């Protein structure tokens, strides 16, 4: 299989592979589209089972960033990088510095930010070798609290706002008191989302691959622990995928009992056709690249000049965007993902930088 015939290739502008035997770094950078500006997207580190799986993730995630930034109204393109390896075992300063050199070779075409398996501290290490990293400046956060640059709080808050919009549309509820939510993945974003939901009166069920993270949610937020097999299939009001992608597939969609899917994970649909599968079952899907845009909005404002109130207003507008998508979906009889794609493409296709 060549890159150009890969099922996830979508006229990507650039694809780079990098190997550094001295540090063990094996990484891929994918740039999907830069019509609105430089490609900004997270650097993910994950123990992919194969090089093919890593390539697939890079291609899908970079495309998603193009659509995410366009729908969020940002002057950015879409890109993503992936490092093959277990962040708990294989990460080192030398490896991260090598990644910084790799990013620097692209001369600003791609700008890296935090993602699953990496942290603000990691991006700062990469920043020793390149200026093309973002989300690392200490500043006043969107919530008025001091921030180290971590975009997770804004991502979680935007997901919370989007989940509220979905509940209003599907359940006719103006509040979340007693609303049952199952969260798959309780890491940096998932835990913060859970905290927002708890404060709003929601009832929580959680699962995470790492037992300590799940126990934290149980102990501190009063959540109920669930197993990997049951978390997506519980009789709840909302399922919130907040871990890895491709969790909405032929098998899982058939077993969903929740009428709403609204979570922070990227690329939740295993295939574009699963958007229609959810629609056919009457399940309201909040397109992931819309609902999880809070982080990229936060990072964008860091580069433009920190303005906490502007960031908060922009993140809260995610709810308005979803309201528009849900309304158009109902009026036109098309799945929400199709509508979201149409809106995004109107904004980035044939746009001059």
C-alpha atoms as a PDB file:
ATOM      1  CA  UNK A   1       0.000   0.000   0.000  1.00  0.00           C
ATOM      2  CA  UNK A   2       1.345   3.460  -0.885  1.00  0.00           C
ATOM      3  CA  UNK A   3       0.518   6.660   0.938  1.00  0.00           C
ATOM      4  CA  UNK A   4      -1.460   8.068  -1.986  1.00  0.00           C
ATOM      5  CA  UNK A   5      -3.806   5.079  -2.093  1.00  0.00           C
ATOM      6  CA  UNK A   6      -4.164   4.846   1.682  1.00  0.00           C
ATOM      7  CA  UNK A   7      -7.863   4.942   2.648  1.00  0.00           C
ATOM      8  CA  UNK A   8      -7.210   7.826   5.055  1.00  0.00           C
ATOM      9  CA  UNK A   9      -5.234   9.931   2.561  1.00  0.00           C
ATOM     10  CA  UNK A  10      -7.264  13.056   1.761  1.00  0.00           C
ATOM     11  CA  UNK A  11      -5.032  15.169  -0.468  1.00  0.00           C
ATOM     12  CA  UNK A  12      -2.670  15.787   2.430  1.00  0.00           C
ATOM     13  CA  UNK A  13      -0.130  18.468   1.605  1.00  0.00           C
ATOM     14  CA  UNK A  14       2.807  16.918   3.440  1.00  0.00           C
ATOM     15  CA  UNK A  15       3.852  13.719   5.192  1.00  0.00           C
ATOM     16  CA  UNK A  16       7.199  13.128   6.928  1.00  0.00           C
ATOM     17  CA  UNK A  17       8.727  10.101   8.621  1.00  0.00           C
ATOM     18  CA  UNK A  18      11.583  10.374  11.094  1.00  0.00           C
ATOM     19  CA  UNK A  19      13.812   7.824  12.780  1.00  0.00           C
ATOM     20  CA  UNK A  20      16.555   8.557  15.318  1.00  0.00           C
ATOM     21  CA  UNK A  21      18.281   5.320  16.369  1.00  0.00           C
ATOM     22  CA  UNK A  22      20.234   7.031  19.151  1.00  0.00           C
ATOM     23  CA  UNK A  23      17.089   7.984  21.076  1.00  0.00           C
ATOM     24  CA  UNK A  24      14.672   5.364  19.746  1.00  0.00           C
ATOM     25  CA  UNK A  25      12.430   8.020  18.204  1.00  0.00           C
ATOM     26  CA  UNK A  26      10.126   6.856  15.421  1.00  0.00           C
ATOM     27  CA  UNK A  27       7.641   9.533  14.438  1.00  0.00           C
ATOM     28  CA  UNK A  28       5.328  10.785  11.705  1.00  0.00           C
ATOM     29  CA  UNK A  29       4.163  14.312  10.937  1.00  0.00           C
ATOM     30  CA  UNK A  30       1.115  14.780   8.704  1.00  0.00           C
ATOM     31  CA  UNK A  31      -0.022  18.152   7.352  1.00  0.00           C
ATOM     32  CA  UNK A  32      -3.476  18.043   5.816  1.00  0.00           C
ATOM     33  CA  UNK A  33      -4.303  21.586   4.717  1.00  0.00           C
ATOM     34  CA  UNK A  34      -2.796  25.047   5.235  1.00  0.00           C
ATOM     35  CA  UNK A  35      -5.245  27.204   3.262  1.00  0.00           C
ATOM     36  CA  UNK A  36      -6.268  29.128   6.412  1.00  0.00           C
ATOM     37  CA  UNK A  37      -2.814  29.214   8.038  1.00  0.00           C
ATOM     38  CA  UNK A  38      -0.024  27.016   9.434  1.00  0.00           C
ATOM     39  CA  UNK A  39      -0.955  23.500  10.495  1.00  0.00           C
ATOM     40  CA  UNK A  40      -1.284  23.399  14.277  1.00  0.00           C
ATOM     41  CA  UNK A  41      -2.045  20.128  16.006  1.00  0.00           C
ATOM     42  CA  UNK A  42      -1.052  17.927  18.905  1.00  0.00           C
ATOM     43  CA  UNK A  43       1.901  15.601  19.203  1.00  0.00           C
ATOM     44  CA  UNK A  44       0.596  12.212  20.321  1.00  0.00           C
ATOM     45  CA  UNK A  45       2.731   9.429  21.840  1.00  0.00           C
ATOM     46  CA  UNK A  46       1.176   5.982  21.844  1.00  0.00           C
ATOM     47  CA  UNK A  47       2.382   2.351  21.663  1.00  0.00           C
ATOM     48  CA  UNK A  48       0.870   1.667  18.253  1.00  0.00           C
ATOM     49  CA  UNK A  49       0.631  -1.998  17.354  1.00  0.00           C
ATOM     50  CA  UNK A  50       2.046  -1.315  13.888  1.00  0.00           C
ATOM     51  CA  UNK A  51       3.511   1.400  11.687  1.00  0.00           C
ATOM     52  CA  UNK A  52       0.309   1.221   9.638  1.00  0.00           C
ATOM     53  CA  UNK A  53      -1.775   2.027  12.700  1.00  0.00           C
ATOM     54  CA  UNK A  54       0.429   5.034  13.465  1.00  0.00           C
ATOM     55  CA  UNK A  55       0.198   6.288   9.875  1.00  0.00           C
ATOM     56  CA  UNK A  56      -3.566   5.887   9.892  1.00  0.00           C
ATOM     57  CA  UNK A  57      -3.838   7.899  13.102  1.00  0.00           C
ATOM     58  CA  UNK A  58      -1.612  10.695  11.785  1.00  0.00           C
ATOM     59  CA  UNK A  59      -3.597  11.005   8.556  1.00  0.00           C
ATOM     60  CA  UNK A  60      -6.983  10.946  10.266  1.00  0.00           C
ATOM     61  CA  UNK A  61      -6.019  13.267  13.094  1.00  0.00           C
ATOM     62  CA  UNK A  62      -4.416  15.867  10.828  1.00  0.00           C
ATOM     63  CA  UNK A  63      -7.518  15.977   8.638  1.00  0.00           C
ATOM     64  CA  UNK A  64      -9.653  16.377  11.730  1.00  0.00           C
ATOM     65  CA  UNK A  65      -7.573  19.364  12.821  1.00  0.00           C
ATOM     66  CA  UNK A  66      -8.259  21.139   9.520  1.00  0.00           C
ATOM     67  CA  UNK A  67     -11.997  20.732  10.026  1.00  0.00           C
ATOM     68  CA  UNK A  68     -11.777  21.596  13.730  1.00  0.00           C
ATOM     69  CA  UNK A  69      -9.923  24.872  13.201  1.00  0.00           C
ATOM     70  CA  UNK A  70     -12.165  25.864  10.300  1.00  0.00           C
ATOM     71  CA  UNK A  71     -15.383  25.314  12.267  1.00  0.00           C
ATOM     72  CA  UNK A  72     -13.890  27.128  15.252  1.00  0.00           C
ATOM     73  CA  UNK A  73     -13.210  30.123  12.988  1.00  0.00           C
ATOM     74  CA  UNK A  74      -9.427  30.032  13.484  1.00  0.00           C
ATOM     75  CA  UNK A  75      -6.789  31.080  10.968  1.00  0.00           C
ATOM     76  CA  UNK A  76      -5.026  27.756  11.205  1.00  0.00           C
ATOM     77  CA  UNK A  77      -4.589  24.657   9.097  1.00  0.00           C
ATOM     78  CA  UNK A  78      -4.604  21.046  10.202  1.00  0.00           C
ATOM     79  CA  UNK A  79      -1.662  18.875  11.174  1.00  0.00           C
ATOM     80  CA  UNK A  80      -0.705  16.195  13.649  1.00  0.00           C
ATOM     81  CA  UNK A  81       2.350  14.268  14.774  1.00  0.00           C
ATOM     82  CA  UNK A  82       2.601  10.836  16.344  1.00  0.00           C
ATOM     83  CA  UNK A  83       5.460   9.218  18.232  1.00  0.00           C
ATOM     84  CA  UNK A  84       5.461   5.433  18.301  1.00  0.00           C
ATOM     85  CA  UNK A  85       6.110   4.272  21.862  1.00  0.00           C
ATOM     86  CA  UNK A  86       4.699   3.926  25.356  1.00  0.00           C
ATOM     87  CA  UNK A  87       4.918   7.340  27.044  1.00  0.00           C
ATOM     88  CA  UNK A  88       5.215   5.700  30.460  1.00  0.00           C
ATOM     89  CA  UNK A  89       8.197   3.582  29.405  1.00  0.00           C
ATOM     90  CA  UNK A  90       9.927   4.999  26.342  1.00  0.00           C
ATOM     91  CA  UNK A  91       9.802   8.763  26.790  1.00  0.00           C
ATOM     92  CA  UNK A  92      13.078  10.562  27.510  1.00  0.00           C
ATOM     93  CA  UNK A  93      14.420  14.093  27.221  1.00  0.00           C
ATOM     94  CA  UNK A  94      16.745  12.974  24.431  1.00  0.00           C
ATOM     95  CA  UNK A  95      13.810  11.498  22.487  1.00  0.00           C
ATOM     96  CA  UNK A  96      11.765  14.667  22.948  1.00  0.00           C
ATOM     97  CA  UNK A  97      14.653  16.856  21.822  1.00  0.00           C
ATOM     98  CA  UNK A  98      15.000  14.676  18.726  1.00  0.00           C
ATOM     99  CA  UNK A  99      11.293  15.232  18.075  1.00  0.00           C
ATOM    100  CA  UNK A 100      11.912  18.963  18.362  1.00  0.00           C
ATOM    101  CA  UNK A 101      14.604  18.731  15.684  1.00  0.00           C
ATOM    102  CA  UNK A 102      12.194  16.800  13.461  1.00  0.00           C
ATOM    103  CA  UNK A 103       9.520  19.481  13.850  1.00  0.00           C
ATOM    104  CA  UNK A 104      12.068  22.203  13.182  1.00  0.00           C
ATOM    105  CA  UNK A 105      12.982  20.687   9.825  1.00  0.00           C
ATOM    106  CA  UNK A 106       9.536  21.699   8.520  1.00  0.00           C
ATOM    107  CA  UNK A 107      10.294  25.379   9.081  1.00  0.00           C
ATOM    108  CA  UNK A 108       6.951  26.290  10.681  1.00  0.00           C
ATOM    109  CA  UNK A 109       4.689  24.402   8.294  1.00  0.00           C
ATOM    110  CA  UNK A 110       3.624  22.376  11.346  1.00  0.00           C
ATOM    111  CA  UNK A 111       3.305  23.649  14.926  1.00  0.00           C
ATOM    112  CA  UNK A 112       3.098  21.063  17.710  1.00  0.00           C
ATOM    113  CA  UNK A 113       0.950  21.175  20.841  1.00  0.00           C
ATOM    114  CA  UNK A 114       0.148  18.799  23.692  1.00  0.00           C
ATOM    115  CA  UNK A 115      -1.833  15.628  23.007  1.00  0.00           C
ATOM    116  CA  UNK A 116      -2.450  12.183  24.463  1.00  0.00           C
ATOM    117  CA  UNK A 117       0.813  10.849  25.847  1.00  0.00           C
ATOM    118  CA  UNK A 118       2.567  14.226  25.924  1.00  0.00           C
ATOM    119  CA  UNK A 119       2.500  17.153  28.334  1.00  0.00           C
ATOM    120  CA  UNK A 120       3.334  20.829  28.487  1.00  0.00           C
ATOM    121  CA  UNK A 121       6.665  19.869  30.061  1.00  0.00           C
ATOM    122  CA  UNK A 122       7.372  17.565  27.105  1.00  0.00           C
ATOM    123  CA  UNK A 123       6.599  20.343  24.617  1.00  0.00           C
ATOM    124  CA  UNK A 124       8.985  22.628  26.476  1.00  0.00           C
ATOM    125  CA  UNK A 125      11.747  20.047  26.020  1.00  0.00           C
ATOM    126  CA  UNK A 126      10.963  19.900  22.290  1.00  0.00           C
ATOM    127  CA  UNK A 127      11.074  23.684  22.359  1.00  0.00           C
ATOM    128  CA  UNK A 128      14.800  23.571  23.102  1.00  0.00           C
ATOM    129  CA  UNK A 129      15.245  22.522  19.482  1.00  0.00           C
ATOM    130  CA  UNK A 130      12.442  24.432  17.734  1.00  0.00           C
ATOM    131  CA  UNK A 131      10.315  27.527  18.072  1.00  0.00           C
ATOM    132  CA  UNK A 132       7.419  25.718  16.418  1.00  0.00           C
ATOM    133  CA  UNK A 133       5.637  24.498  19.546  1.00  0.00           C
ATOM    134  CA  UNK A 134       2.563  26.026  21.190  1.00  0.00           C
ATOM    135  CA  UNK A 135       0.579  25.807  24.387  1.00  0.00           C
ATOM    136  CA  UNK A 136       3.603  26.147  26.660  1.00  0.00           C
ATOM    137  CA  UNK A 137       3.487  29.775  27.812  1.00  0.00           C
ATOM    138  CA  UNK A 138       2.578  30.549  31.402  1.00  0.00           C
ATOM    139  CA  UNK A 139      -0.335  32.958  31.361  1.00  0.00           C
ATOM    140  CA  UNK A 140      -3.760  33.666  32.807  1.00  0.00           C
ATOM    141  CA  UNK A 141      -6.072  30.876  31.682  1.00  0.00           C
ATOM    142  CA  UNK A 142      -9.542  31.214  30.184  1.00  0.00           C
ATOM    143  CA  UNK A 143     -11.012  30.516  33.635  1.00  0.00           C
ATOM    144  CA  UNK A 144      -9.046  33.359  35.231  1.00  0.00           C
ATOM    145  CA  UNK A 145      -6.589  31.014  36.933  1.00  0.00           C
ATOM    146  CA  UNK A 146      -2.828  30.874  36.296  1.00  0.00           C
ATOM    147  CA  UNK A 147      -2.098  28.452  33.455  1.00  0.00           C
ATOM    148  CA  UNK A 148       1.059  26.649  32.396  1.00  0.00           C
ATOM    149  CA  UNK A 149      -0.264  26.559  28.820  1.00  0.00           C
ATOM    150  CA  UNK A 150      -2.024  23.193  29.178  1.00  0.00           C
ATOM    151  CA  UNK A 151      -5.012  23.252  26.756  1.00  0.00           C
ATOM    152  CA  UNK A 152      -6.823  20.429  28.595  1.00  0.00           C
ATOM    153  CA  UNK A 153      -8.988  22.732  30.763  1.00  0.00           C
ATOM    154  CA  UNK A 154     -10.322  24.559  27.699  1.00  0.00           C
ATOM    155  CA  UNK A 155     -10.899  21.281  25.840  1.00  0.00           C
ATOM    156  CA  UNK A 156     -12.841  19.883  28.778  1.00  0.00           C
ATOM    157  CA  UNK A 157     -14.897  23.049  29.222  1.00  0.00           C
ATOM    158  CA  UNK A 158     -15.761  23.206  25.525  1.00  0.00           C
ATOM    159  CA  UNK A 159     -16.828  19.554  25.643  1.00  0.00           C
ATOM    160  CA  UNK A 160     -18.992  20.330  28.674  1.00  0.00           C
ATOM    161  CA  UNK A 161     -20.649  23.237  26.833  1.00  0.00           C
ATOM    162  CA  UNK A 162     -21.213  21.019  23.791  1.00  0.00           C
ATOM    163  CA  UNK A 163     -22.654  18.214  25.901  1.00  0.00           C
ATOM    164  CA  UNK A 164     -25.101  20.699  27.392  1.00  0.00           C
ATOM    165  CA  UNK A 165     -26.177  21.710  23.875  1.00  0.00           C
ATOM    166  CA  UNK A 166     -26.750  18.066  22.931  1.00  0.00           C
ATOM    167  CA  UNK A 167     -28.827  17.444  26.055  1.00  0.00           C
ATOM    168  CA  UNK A 168     -30.951  20.533  25.331  1.00  0.00           C
ATOM    169  CA  UNK A 169     -31.568  19.412  21.769  1.00  0.00           C
ATOM    170  CA  UNK A 170     -32.205  15.714  22.354  1.00  0.00           C
ATOM    171  CA  UNK A 171     -33.683  15.580  25.850  1.00  0.00           C
ATOM    172  CA  UNK A 172     -35.225  19.053  26.070  1.00  0.00           C
ATOM    173  CA  UNK A 173     -33.356  19.640  29.320  1.00  0.00           C
ATOM    174  CA  UNK A 174     -32.053  23.069  30.324  1.00  0.00           C
ATOM    175  CA  UNK A 175     -29.891  21.625  33.106  1.00  0.00           C
ATOM    176  CA  UNK A 176     -27.865  18.472  33.806  1.00  0.00           C
ATOM    177  CA  UNK A 177     -29.256  17.635  37.234  1.00  0.00           C
ATOM    178  CA  UNK A 178     -29.582  13.851  37.392  1.00  0.00           C
ATOM    179  CA  UNK A 179     -28.460  13.348  33.783  1.00  0.00           C
ATOM    180  CA  UNK A 180     -26.514  10.083  33.517  1.00  0.00           C
ATOM    181  CA  UNK A 181     -23.164  10.262  31.718  1.00  0.00           C
ATOM    182  CA  UNK A 182     -20.693   7.450  30.974  1.00  0.00           C
ATOM    183  CA  UNK A 183     -17.153   8.721  30.360  1.00  0.00           C
ATOM    184  CA  UNK A 184     -14.680   6.503  28.537  1.00  0.00           C
ATOM    185  CA  UNK A 185     -11.221   7.805  29.414  1.00  0.00           C
ATOM    186  CA  UNK A 186     -10.642   9.804  32.574  1.00  0.00           C
ATOM    187  CA  UNK A 187      -7.273  11.420  31.871  1.00  0.00           C
ATOM    188  CA  UNK A 188      -6.458  15.131  31.685  1.00  0.00           C
ATOM    189  CA  UNK A 189      -9.547  16.080  29.677  1.00  0.00           C
ATOM    190  CA  UNK A 190     -11.920  13.336  30.817  1.00  0.00           C
ATOM    191  CA  UNK A 191     -11.364  14.059  34.502  1.00  0.00           C
ATOM    192  CA  UNK A 192     -11.941  17.789  34.063  1.00  0.00           C
ATOM    193  CA  UNK A 193     -15.100  17.081  32.064  1.00  0.00           C
ATOM    194  CA  UNK A 194     -16.262  14.766  34.848  1.00  0.00           C
ATOM    195  CA  UNK A 195     -15.681  17.509  37.401  1.00  0.00           C
ATOM    196  CA  UNK A 196     -17.765  20.008  35.394  1.00  0.00           C
ATOM    197  CA  UNK A 197     -20.527  17.436  35.080  1.00  0.00           C
ATOM    198  CA  UNK A 198     -20.438  16.589  38.783  1.00  0.00           C
ATOM    199  CA  UNK A 199     -20.729  20.271  39.683  1.00  0.00           C
ATOM    200  CA  UNK A 200     -23.741  20.518  37.350  1.00  0.00           C
ATOM    201  CA  UNK A 201     -25.471  17.642  39.143  1.00  0.00           C
ATOM    202  CA  UNK A 202     -24.882  14.837  36.641  1.00  0.00           C
ATOM    203  CA  UNK A 203     -24.429  11.195  37.671  1.00  0.00           C
ATOM    204  CA  UNK A 204     -21.196   9.639  36.423  1.00  0.00           C
ATOM    205  CA  UNK A 205     -19.894   6.274  35.302  1.00  0.00           C
ATOM    206  CA  UNK A 206     -16.215   6.080  34.295  1.00  0.00           C
ATOM    207  CA  UNK A 207     -13.640   3.778  32.765  1.00  0.00           C
ATOM    208  CA  UNK A 208      -9.951   4.266  32.094  1.00  0.00           C
ATOM    209  CA  UNK A 209      -7.160   1.953  31.001  1.00  0.00           C
ATOM    210  CA  UNK A 210      -5.133   3.187  33.979  1.00  0.00           C
ATOM    211  CA  UNK A 211      -6.648   2.035  37.257  1.00  0.00           C
ATOM    212  CA  UNK A 212      -5.270   4.945  39.279  1.00  0.00           C
ATOM    213  CA  UNK A 213      -7.037   7.502  37.093  1.00  0.00           C
ATOM    214  CA  UNK A 214     -10.336   5.678  37.364  1.00  0.00           C
ATOM    215  CA  UNK A 215     -10.001   5.357  41.141  1.00  0.00           C
ATOM    216  CA  UNK A 216      -9.351   9.095  41.392  1.00  0.00           C
ATOM    217  CA  UNK A 217     -12.701   9.831  39.727  1.00  0.00           C
ATOM    218  CA  UNK A 218     -14.463   7.365  41.996  1.00  0.00           C
ATOM    219  CA  UNK A 219     -12.873   8.715  45.176  1.00  0.00           C
ATOM    220  CA  UNK A 220     -12.989  12.443  44.404  1.00  0.00           C
ATOM    221  CA  UNK A 221     -16.121  12.768  42.255  1.00  0.00           C
ATOM    222  CA  UNK A 222     -18.284   9.935  43.487  1.00  0.00           C
ATOM    223  CA  UNK A 223     -18.327   8.290  40.059  1.00  0.00           C
ATOM    224  CA  UNK A 224     -19.178   4.636  39.543  1.00  0.00           C
ATOM    225  CA  UNK A 225     -16.441   2.492  38.018  1.00  0.00           C
ATOM    226  CA  UNK A 226     -17.317   0.487  34.902  1.00  0.00           C
ATOM    227  CA  UNK A 227     -15.428  -2.074  32.862  1.00  0.00           C
ATOM    228  CA  UNK A 228     -13.984  -1.602  29.396  1.00  0.00           C
ATOM    229  CA  UNK A 229     -16.670  -3.842  27.937  1.00  0.00           C
ATOM    230  CA  UNK A 230     -19.631  -2.067  29.506  1.00  0.00           C
ATOM    231  CA  UNK A 231     -18.745   1.640  29.543  1.00  0.00           C
ATOM    232  CA  UNK A 232     -20.221   2.371  26.083  1.00  0.00           C
ATOM    233  CA  UNK A 233     -23.231   0.138  26.594  1.00  0.00           C
ATOM    234  CA  UNK A 234     -24.657   1.409  29.861  1.00  0.00           C
ATOM    235  CA  UNK A 235     -28.293   2.606  30.046  1.00  0.00           C
ATOM    236  CA  UNK A 236     -27.321   6.266  30.440  1.00  0.00           C
ATOM    237  CA  UNK A 237     -28.352   9.539  28.790  1.00  0.00           C
ATOM    238  CA  UNK A 238     -24.945  10.417  27.340  1.00  0.00           C
ATOM    239  CA  UNK A 239     -21.870   8.450  26.339  1.00  0.00           C
ATOM    240  CA  UNK A 240     -18.732  10.608  26.326  1.00  0.00           C
ATOM    241  CA  UNK A 241     -15.728   9.007  24.585  1.00  0.00           C
ATOM    242  CA  UNK A 242     -12.640  10.814  25.906  1.00  0.00           C
ATOM    243  CA  UNK A 243      -9.840   8.382  25.095  1.00  0.00           C
ATOM    244  CA  UNK A 244      -8.635   6.996  21.770  1.00  0.00           C
ATOM    245  CA  UNK A 245     -10.591   7.148  18.521  1.00  0.00           C
ATOM    246  CA  UNK A 246     -12.524   4.672  16.369  1.00  0.00           C
ATOM    247  CA  UNK A 247     -14.694   3.549  19.301  1.00  0.00           C
ATOM    248  CA  UNK A 248     -17.945   4.027  17.367  1.00  0.00           C
ATOM    249  CA  UNK A 249     -18.044   1.059  15.024  1.00  0.00           C
ATOM    250  CA  UNK A 250     -20.380  -1.656  13.752  1.00  0.00           C
ATOM    251  CA  UNK A 251     -20.237  -3.541  17.034  1.00  0.00           C
ATOM    252  CA  UNK A 252     -20.409  -0.691  19.551  1.00  0.00           C
ATOM    253  CA  UNK A 253     -23.132   1.312  17.790  1.00  0.00           C
ATOM    254  CA  UNK A 254     -25.473  -1.684  17.824  1.00  0.00           C
ATOM    255  CA  UNK A 255     -25.043  -1.954  21.594  1.00  0.00           C
ATOM    256  CA  UNK A 256     -25.363   1.729  22.515  1.00  0.00           C
ATOM    257  CA  UNK A 257     -28.266   2.472  24.846  1.00  0.00           C
ATOM    258  CA  UNK A 258     -27.583   6.182  25.270  1.00  0.00           C
ATOM    259  CA  UNK A 259     -29.499   8.589  22.994  1.00  0.00           C
ATOM    260  CA  UNK A 260     -26.507  10.979  22.872  1.00  0.00           C
ATOM    261  CA  UNK A 261     -22.804  10.633  22.079  1.00  0.00           C
ATOM    262  CA  UNK A 262     -20.831  13.717  23.099  1.00  0.00           C
ATOM    263  CA  UNK A 263     -17.189  13.372  24.108  1.00  0.00           C
ATOM    264  CA  UNK A 264     -13.719  14.830  23.679  1.00  0.00           C
ATOM    265  CA  UNK A 265     -11.908  12.001  21.862  1.00  0.00           C
ATOM    266  CA  UNK A 266     -10.683  12.640  18.328  1.00  0.00           C
ATOM    267  CA  UNK A 267     -11.925  10.531  15.397  1.00  0.00           C
ATOM    268  CA  UNK A 268     -14.590   8.696  17.359  1.00  0.00           C
ATOM    269  CA  UNK A 269     -16.128   7.208  14.208  1.00  0.00           C
ATOM    270  CA  UNK A 270     -14.274   4.145  12.965  1.00  0.00           C
ATOM    271  CA  UNK A 271     -15.486   5.018   9.470  1.00  0.00           C
ATOM    272  CA  UNK A 272     -17.445   7.945   8.008  1.00  0.00           C
ATOM    273  CA  UNK A 273     -20.378   5.597   7.417  1.00  0.00           C
ATOM    274  CA  UNK A 274     -20.819   5.224  11.169  1.00  0.00           C
ATOM    275  CA  UNK A 275     -22.129   8.777  11.256  1.00  0.00           C
ATOM    276  CA  UNK A 276     -25.111   7.480   9.279  1.00  0.00           C
ATOM    277  CA  UNK A 277     -25.351   4.383  11.483  1.00  0.00           C
ATOM    278  CA  UNK A 278     -25.833   6.598  14.554  1.00  0.00           C
ATOM    279  CA  UNK A 279     -28.352   8.725  12.662  1.00  0.00           C
ATOM    280  CA  UNK A 280     -30.357   5.653  11.647  1.00  0.00           C
ATOM    281  CA  UNK A 281     -30.556   4.563  15.267  1.00  0.00           C
ATOM    282  CA  UNK A 282     -31.803   7.984  16.353  1.00  0.00           C
ATOM    283  CA  UNK A 283     -28.663   8.688  18.385  1.00  0.00           C
ATOM    284  CA  UNK A 284     -27.572  12.332  18.455  1.00  0.00           C
ATOM    285  CA  UNK A 285     -23.846  12.567  17.720  1.00  0.00           C
ATOM    286  CA  UNK A 286     -21.926  15.739  18.575  1.00  0.00           C
ATOM    287  CA  UNK A 287     -19.163  15.662  15.930  1.00  0.00           C
ATOM    288  CA  UNK A 288     -15.888  15.301  17.791  1.00  0.00           C
ATOM    289  CA  UNK A 289     -13.966  17.907  15.827  1.00  0.00           C
ATOM    290  CA  UNK A 290     -16.598  20.478  16.815  1.00  0.00           C
ATOM    291  CA  UNK A 291     -17.114  19.676  20.483  1.00  0.00           C
ATOM    292  CA  UNK A 292     -13.433  19.230  21.399  1.00  0.00           C
ATOM    293  CA  UNK A 293     -12.144  22.459  19.810  1.00  0.00           C
ATOM    294  CA  UNK A 294     -11.600  24.255  23.117  1.00  0.00           C
ATOM    295  CA  UNK A 295      -7.938  23.308  23.324  1.00  0.00           C
ATOM    296  CA  UNK A 296      -7.011  24.564  19.870  1.00  0.00           C
ATOM    297  CA  UNK A 297      -8.917  27.797  20.561  1.00  0.00           C
ATOM    298  CA  UNK A 298      -6.915  28.282  23.756  1.00  0.00           C
ATOM    299  CA  UNK A 299      -3.591  27.646  21.991  1.00  0.00           C
ATOM    300  CA  UNK A 300      -4.565  29.970  19.135  1.00  0.00           C
ATOM    301  CA  UNK A 301      -5.092  32.860  21.530  1.00  0.00           C
ATOM    302  CA  UNK A 302      -1.748  32.194  23.162  1.00  0.00           C
ATOM    303  CA  UNK A 303      -0.137  32.881  19.804  1.00  0.00           C
ATOM    304  CA  UNK A 304      -2.318  35.933  19.109  1.00  0.00           C
ATOM    305  CA  UNK A 305      -1.957  37.435  22.558  1.00  0.00           C
ATOM    306  CA  UNK A 306      -3.545  36.048  25.751  1.00  0.00           C
ATOM    307  CA  UNK A 307      -7.096  37.307  26.363  1.00  0.00           C
ATOM    308  CA  UNK A 308      -8.876  35.055  28.906  1.00  0.00           C
ATOM    309  CA  UNK A 309     -12.319  36.581  28.377  1.00  0.00           C
ATOM    310  CA  UNK A 310     -12.057  36.265  24.586  1.00  0.00           C
ATOM    311  CA  UNK A 311     -10.964  32.639  24.929  1.00  0.00           C
ATOM    312  CA  UNK A 312     -13.904  31.835  27.197  1.00  0.00           C
ATOM    313  CA  UNK A 313     -16.403  33.486  24.836  1.00  0.00           C
ATOM    314  CA  UNK A 314     -14.912  31.649  21.867  1.00  0.00           C
ATOM    315  CA  UNK A 315     -14.987  28.287  23.658  1.00  0.00           C
ATOM    316  CA  UNK A 316     -18.589  28.826  24.743  1.00  0.00           C
ATOM    317  CA  UNK A 317     -19.501  29.496  21.097  1.00  0.00           C
ATOM    318  CA  UNK A 318     -18.951  25.766  20.530  1.00  0.00           C
ATOM    319  CA  UNK A 319     -22.466  25.337  21.894  1.00  0.00           C
ATOM    320  CA  UNK A 320     -23.840  27.741  19.295  1.00  0.00           C
ATOM    321  CA  UNK A 321     -22.043  25.912  16.490  1.00  0.00           C
ATOM    322  CA  UNK A 322     -23.511  22.610  17.635  1.00  0.00           C
ATOM    323  CA  UNK A 323     -26.979  24.175  17.902  1.00  0.00           C
ATOM    324  CA  UNK A 324     -26.653  25.176  14.237  1.00  0.00           C
ATOM    325  CA  UNK A 325     -25.452  21.709  13.231  1.00  0.00           C
ATOM    326  CA  UNK A 326     -28.237  19.946  15.134  1.00  0.00           C
ATOM    327  CA  UNK A 327     -30.893  22.247  13.647  1.00  0.00           C
ATOM    328  CA  UNK A 328     -29.627  21.848  10.078  1.00  0.00           C
ATOM    329  CA  UNK A 329     -29.357  18.100  10.550  1.00  0.00           C
ATOM    330  CA  UNK A 330     -32.999  17.915  11.645  1.00  0.00           C
ATOM    331  CA  UNK A 331     -34.205  20.249   8.894  1.00  0.00           C
ATOM    332  CA  UNK A 332     -32.255  18.606   6.066  1.00  0.00           C
ATOM    333  CA  UNK A 333     -32.572  15.013   7.240  1.00  0.00           C
ATOM    334  CA  UNK A 334     -28.812  14.434   7.211  1.00  0.00           C
ATOM    335  CA  UNK A 335     -26.463  13.073   9.896  1.00  0.00           C
ATOM    336  CA  UNK A 336     -24.756  15.648  12.099  1.00  0.00           C
ATOM    337  CA  UNK A 337     -21.291  14.666  10.887  1.00  0.00           C
ATOM    338  CA  UNK A 338     -22.269  15.315   7.275  1.00  0.00           C
ATOM    339  CA  UNK A 339     -23.565  18.773   8.195  1.00  0.00           C
ATOM    340  CA  UNK A 340     -20.431  19.579  10.212  1.00  0.00           C
ATOM    341  CA  UNK A 341     -18.202  18.526   7.316  1.00  0.00           C
ATOM    342  CA  UNK A 342     -20.163  20.724   4.918  1.00  0.00           C
ATOM    343  CA  UNK A 343     -19.840  23.750   7.182  1.00  0.00           C
ATOM    344  CA  UNK A 344     -16.105  23.220   7.668  1.00  0.00           C
ATOM    345  CA  UNK A 345     -15.416  22.723   3.965  1.00  0.00           C
ATOM    346  CA  UNK A 346     -17.234  25.954   3.179  1.00  0.00           C
ATOM    347  CA  UNK A 347     -14.662  27.685   5.356  1.00  0.00           C
ATOM    348  CA  UNK A 348     -11.353  26.114   4.329  1.00  0.00           C
ATOM    349  CA  UNK A 349     -11.682  24.954   0.749  1.00  0.00           C
ATOM    350  CA  UNK A 350     -10.363  27.443  -1.807  1.00  0.00           C
ATOM    351  CA  UNK A 351      -9.426  29.847   0.987  1.00  0.00           C
ATOM    352  CA  UNK A 352      -6.311  31.879   0.306  1.00  0.00           C
ATOM    353  CA  UNK A 353      -3.816  32.313   3.128  1.00  0.00           C
END
